[in-house]
Protein backbone atom coordinates (compact mmCIF):
# COMPACT_ATOMS: atom_id res chain seq x y z
CA MET A 1 -0.05 -0.26 0.06
CA THR A 2 1.19 3.41 -1.06
CA LYS A 3 2.63 5.93 2.37
CA ALA A 4 0.29 8.51 3.18
CA ARG A 5 1.89 12.04 2.68
CA TYR A 6 1.06 15.06 4.10
CA LEU A 7 0.69 18.91 3.30
CA LEU A 8 0.62 21.64 5.78
CA ARG A 9 -2.01 24.34 5.88
CA PHE A 10 -1.96 27.68 7.62
CA ASP A 11 -4.97 29.63 7.95
CA ASP A 12 -5.73 33.42 8.34
CA ILE A 13 -2.50 35.06 7.46
CA CYS A 14 -2.71 38.52 7.67
CA PRO A 15 -1.30 41.68 9.14
CA GLY A 16 -2.28 41.40 12.49
CA MET A 17 -2.09 37.80 13.13
CA ASN A 18 -0.32 36.07 16.09
CA TRP A 19 3.62 36.91 15.17
CA ARG A 20 4.92 35.62 18.12
CA VAL A 21 4.29 32.21 17.48
CA TRP A 22 4.40 32.90 14.31
CA GLU A 23 7.89 33.25 13.84
CA GLU A 24 8.56 30.37 16.33
CA ILE A 25 6.32 28.26 13.21
CA GLU A 26 8.50 29.54 10.85
CA ARG A 27 11.44 28.56 12.21
CA ILE A 28 10.40 25.16 12.74
CA LEU A 29 8.96 24.88 9.11
CA VAL A 30 12.65 25.86 7.54
CA ALA A 31 14.65 23.80 10.15
CA ASN A 32 12.96 20.77 8.38
CA ASN A 33 12.64 21.94 4.87
CA ILE A 34 8.67 21.74 5.06
CA LYS A 35 7.23 24.48 2.54
CA PRO A 36 3.50 24.65 3.67
CA LEU A 37 0.46 26.25 1.73
CA LEU A 38 -0.29 29.74 3.29
CA ALA A 39 -3.92 30.72 3.05
CA VAL A 40 -3.34 34.91 3.07
CA ILE A 41 -6.25 37.28 3.58
CA PRO A 42 -6.40 40.21 0.90
CA ASP A 43 -7.75 42.59 3.10
CA ASN A 44 -8.25 41.26 6.22
CA GLN A 45 -11.53 42.81 8.15
CA SER A 46 -12.38 40.38 10.43
CA SER A 47 -11.63 41.97 14.05
CA ALA A 48 -11.18 38.44 15.94
CA LEU A 49 -8.30 37.75 13.86
CA ASN A 50 -6.40 40.67 14.49
CA VAL A 51 -3.99 39.03 17.38
CA ASP A 52 -1.09 41.61 17.33
CA PRO A 53 -0.30 44.59 15.96
CA PRO A 54 -0.35 44.68 11.98
CA ARG A 55 3.03 44.52 10.56
CA GLU A 56 3.93 46.98 8.20
CA ASP A 57 5.98 44.66 5.87
CA PHE A 58 3.01 42.13 6.25
CA TRP A 59 3.13 42.02 1.84
CA GLU A 60 7.39 41.80 1.84
CA ARG A 61 6.69 38.80 4.34
CA VAL A 62 4.51 36.80 1.80
CA ARG A 63 6.79 37.55 -1.31
CA VAL A 64 9.42 36.33 1.02
CA TRP A 65 7.83 32.85 1.39
CA GLN A 66 6.54 32.54 -2.20
CA SER A 67 10.13 33.21 -3.10
CA TRP A 68 10.85 30.24 -0.07
CA GLY A 69 8.49 27.91 -2.67
CA TRP A 70 6.08 27.82 -0.26
CA THR A 71 2.84 28.27 -2.19
CA ILE A 72 0.15 31.48 -1.39
CA GLY A 73 -3.71 30.73 -1.49
CA LEU A 74 -6.61 33.22 -1.63
CA HIS A 75 -8.54 33.01 1.42
CA GLY A 76 -11.19 34.84 0.43
CA TYR A 77 -11.50 38.59 0.13
CA GLN A 78 -12.16 40.14 3.81
CA HIS A 79 -13.30 37.42 5.85
CA ARG A 80 -16.53 38.42 6.66
CA HIS A 81 -19.04 36.45 6.24
CA LEU A 82 -23.06 36.40 5.85
CA ILE A 83 -25.57 34.71 6.99
CA THR A 84 -25.90 31.95 3.73
CA ASN A 85 -26.94 28.89 2.42
CA GLY A 86 -25.84 26.57 -0.79
CA CYS A 87 -22.16 25.65 0.65
CA ILE A 88 -21.01 22.79 -1.57
CA LEU A 89 -19.44 21.09 1.67
CA GLU A 90 -22.51 21.96 3.97
CA LEU A 91 -20.87 22.92 6.83
CA GLY A 92 -23.09 25.09 8.50
CA ILE A 93 -24.11 28.89 7.39
CA GLN A 94 -21.30 31.01 7.84
CA SER A 95 -19.77 32.28 4.40
CA GLU A 96 -18.35 35.23 2.47
CA PHE A 97 -19.21 33.72 -1.10
CA ALA A 98 -22.18 30.79 -1.01
CA GLY A 99 -25.29 31.79 -1.60
CA LEU A 100 -24.47 35.65 -2.92
CA SER A 101 -25.11 36.21 -6.82
CA GLU A 102 -22.39 35.94 -9.59
CA ALA A 103 -22.16 39.69 -9.47
CA GLU A 104 -21.29 40.32 -5.84
CA GLN A 105 -19.23 37.09 -5.78
CA LYS A 106 -17.05 37.77 -8.80
CA GLU A 107 -16.83 41.65 -7.09
CA LYS A 108 -15.15 40.17 -4.23
CA LEU A 109 -13.00 37.29 -6.17
CA GLU A 110 -11.84 40.18 -8.40
CA LYS A 111 -11.18 42.64 -5.60
CA GLY A 112 -9.02 40.20 -3.85
CA ALA A 113 -6.77 38.99 -6.40
CA ALA A 114 -6.25 42.62 -7.64
CA ILE A 115 -4.75 42.99 -4.29
CA PHE A 116 -2.37 39.95 -4.90
CA LYS A 117 -1.64 41.42 -7.77
CA GLU A 118 -0.51 45.20 -6.62
CA ASN A 119 1.50 42.94 -4.41
CA GLY A 120 3.21 40.92 -6.44
CA VAL A 121 1.87 38.06 -5.21
CA LYS A 122 0.94 35.00 -7.68
CA THR A 123 -1.53 31.81 -6.54
CA ARG A 124 -3.48 29.42 -8.20
CA VAL A 125 -5.09 28.60 -5.36
CA TRP A 126 -8.31 28.85 -3.69
CA VAL A 127 -9.14 28.62 0.08
CA ALA A 128 -12.35 29.63 1.23
CA PRO A 129 -12.86 30.70 5.14
CA SER A 130 -14.68 28.64 6.86
CA HIS A 131 -14.77 26.08 4.05
CA ALA A 132 -17.90 27.86 2.61
CA PHE A 133 -18.40 28.34 -1.20
CA ASP A 134 -21.36 26.76 -3.83
CA ARG A 135 -20.79 26.24 -7.49
CA THR A 136 -20.90 29.83 -8.63
CA THR A 137 -17.39 30.00 -6.90
CA VAL A 138 -15.92 27.55 -8.43
CA ARG A 139 -17.05 28.58 -11.67
CA LEU A 140 -15.81 31.66 -11.08
CA LEU A 141 -12.27 31.08 -9.79
CA PRO A 142 -10.77 30.11 -13.55
CA GLN A 143 -11.98 33.74 -14.22
CA ILE A 144 -9.05 35.02 -11.55
CA GLY A 145 -6.80 32.91 -12.44
CA ILE A 146 -7.41 29.98 -9.97
CA ASP A 147 -7.46 26.48 -11.05
CA ILE A 148 -6.99 24.90 -7.62
CA ILE A 149 -8.99 24.24 -4.42
CA SER A 150 -7.79 23.05 -0.78
CA ASP A 151 -10.84 21.72 0.26
CA GLY A 152 -13.36 18.96 0.38
CA LEU A 153 -13.15 15.51 1.46
CA ALA A 154 -10.70 12.68 -0.31
CA LEU A 155 -8.17 10.29 -0.45
CA TYR A 156 -6.06 11.92 -3.30
CA PRO A 157 -6.28 15.25 -5.44
CA TYR A 158 -8.61 15.03 -8.15
CA THR A 159 -9.62 17.02 -11.10
CA GLU A 160 -13.53 17.71 -12.29
CA GLU A 161 -13.97 18.06 -15.84
CA LYS A 162 -14.08 21.19 -16.30
CA GLY A 163 -10.12 21.47 -14.99
CA VAL A 164 -10.17 22.70 -11.94
CA LEU A 165 -8.07 20.20 -9.44
CA TRP A 166 -9.62 19.56 -5.91
CA VAL A 167 -6.16 18.71 -3.29
CA PRO A 168 -8.80 17.97 -0.23
CA GLN A 169 -8.08 18.91 3.34
CA GLN A 170 -9.09 16.21 6.30
CA LEU A 171 -7.22 17.02 9.16
CA TRP A 172 -6.64 19.88 12.01
CA LYS A 173 -3.44 17.97 13.74
CA PHE A 174 -1.56 15.38 12.93
CA ARG A 175 -2.79 11.06 12.55
CA ASP A 176 -1.14 8.27 10.93
CA MET A 177 -3.42 7.85 8.18
CA SER A 178 -2.09 3.73 7.13
CA VAL A 179 -4.76 3.70 4.48
CA GLY A 180 -2.15 5.86 2.67
CA GLY A 181 -3.67 9.08 0.63
CA VAL A 182 -2.63 12.40 0.68
CA TRP A 183 -3.81 14.48 3.86
CA THR A 184 -3.78 18.22 4.52
CA ILE A 185 -3.52 19.39 8.39
CA CYS A 186 -4.99 22.62 8.35
CA ASN A 187 -3.50 24.66 11.29
CA HIS A 188 -5.05 27.75 12.75
CA HIS A 189 -2.18 29.54 15.31
CA ASN A 190 -3.51 32.50 16.55
CA HIS A 191 -4.39 31.38 19.79
CA TRP A 192 -1.58 28.85 19.62
CA ASP A 193 0.77 29.00 22.93
CA GLU A 194 3.64 27.03 23.98
CA LYS A 195 1.88 23.72 24.33
CA HIS A 196 0.88 23.91 20.94
CA LEU A 197 4.19 24.90 19.75
CA ALA A 198 6.12 22.02 21.37
CA THR A 199 3.36 19.97 20.13
CA PHE A 200 4.09 21.00 16.25
CA ARG A 201 7.54 20.76 16.46
CA ALA A 202 7.69 17.31 17.72
CA CYS A 203 5.27 16.11 15.03
CA ILE A 204 7.35 17.91 12.32
CA GLU A 205 10.46 16.64 13.73
CA ARG A 206 9.47 13.30 13.91
CA HIS A 207 7.52 12.89 10.33
CA CYS A 208 9.22 15.20 8.62
CA ASP A 209 10.25 12.91 5.58
CA SER A 210 6.04 11.93 5.63
CA PHE A 211 5.40 15.76 4.29
CA SER A 212 4.96 16.77 0.78
CA THR A 213 4.70 20.07 -1.08
CA PHE A 214 1.86 21.30 -2.79
CA GLU A 215 3.35 21.80 -5.57
CA GLU A 216 4.39 18.02 -5.83
CA VAL A 217 0.93 16.94 -4.94
CA THR A 218 -1.02 19.05 -7.97
CA VAL A 219 1.84 17.93 -10.40
CA LYS A 220 1.71 14.57 -9.48
CA TYR A 221 -2.50 14.63 -9.39
CA ALA A 222 -3.18 16.98 -12.52
CA SER A 223 -4.89 14.42 -14.09
CA ARG A 224 -6.61 12.20 -11.85
CA ARG A 225 -10.25 11.97 -11.66
CA ARG A 226 -12.27 11.12 -8.67
CA SER A 227 -12.66 7.52 -7.81
CA PRO A 228 -14.48 5.08 -5.48
CA VAL A 229 -11.66 4.47 -3.36
CA ASP A 230 -12.09 8.60 -2.55
CA ASN A 231 -14.96 7.70 -0.67
CA LEU A 232 -12.80 6.38 2.36
CA ALA A 233 -11.58 9.66 3.22
CA TRP A 234 -15.88 10.21 3.71
CA GLY A 235 -16.21 7.46 5.91
CA MET A 236 -12.91 8.10 7.94
CA VAL A 237 -12.87 11.10 8.28
CA LYS A 238 -16.06 13.19 7.57
CA GLY A 239 -18.31 12.60 10.81
CA ARG A 240 -15.51 11.81 13.22
CA LEU A 241 -12.60 14.15 12.25
CA TRP A 242 -13.56 16.27 10.16
CA VAL A 243 -16.97 18.33 10.53
CA THR A 244 -16.53 18.28 14.17
CA LYS A 245 -13.43 20.78 13.96
CA ALA A 246 -14.55 22.53 10.92
CA LEU A 247 -17.46 23.74 12.63
CA LYS A 248 -15.71 25.23 15.99
CA ARG A 249 -13.08 26.58 13.69
CA GLY A 250 -13.09 29.30 10.61
């Protein structure tokens, strides 16, 4: 059986995030040559995500991470949630996009993409706040140059008929997944403390050889279609590990 591979994803990357904790996370990642996916909010308007004073050099830092080969993802537009419905993943009612008209969604996506462009940041990857988006969002993403979605439950990445590649996101902490597959571990570091950091450091050092990069898996699985084997991820994760965590975190 193919050995499981893991991807690291960090959400809510913004100017006012928890920089004290982040600096240590960054050191751990660099020391172990781990290249994560960073979900960057173009224009954060969520006060809950402002833990530290905003960094004036934020976009310079994003460009540095990009130069290191780290993947930058578009994490919505302003991380402002509306009460909507129709989310593909059916994870509650909070969304910045799902249920809005095509024109409203297009405007937000274009504004977010424009901020990235203005700051010299390139991306092909979409990371929806609260995992909440709909088929209209998916249809619009290629119009702003995005053809990869980090979300959903499957055992391996797969490409839809219209060319959008889904890289599943199934975990919130490292677990030994003996069935194989590609498993994305989503992290929200804003409220981490020293205990969280110690656990994270130990996990990375113990399992660093099991991590892949986002670029590696997108190349490897670019032509793969979803198959019945992907339903294993639904059975193993949906009720027990994934949905409960998703409803607790943004």
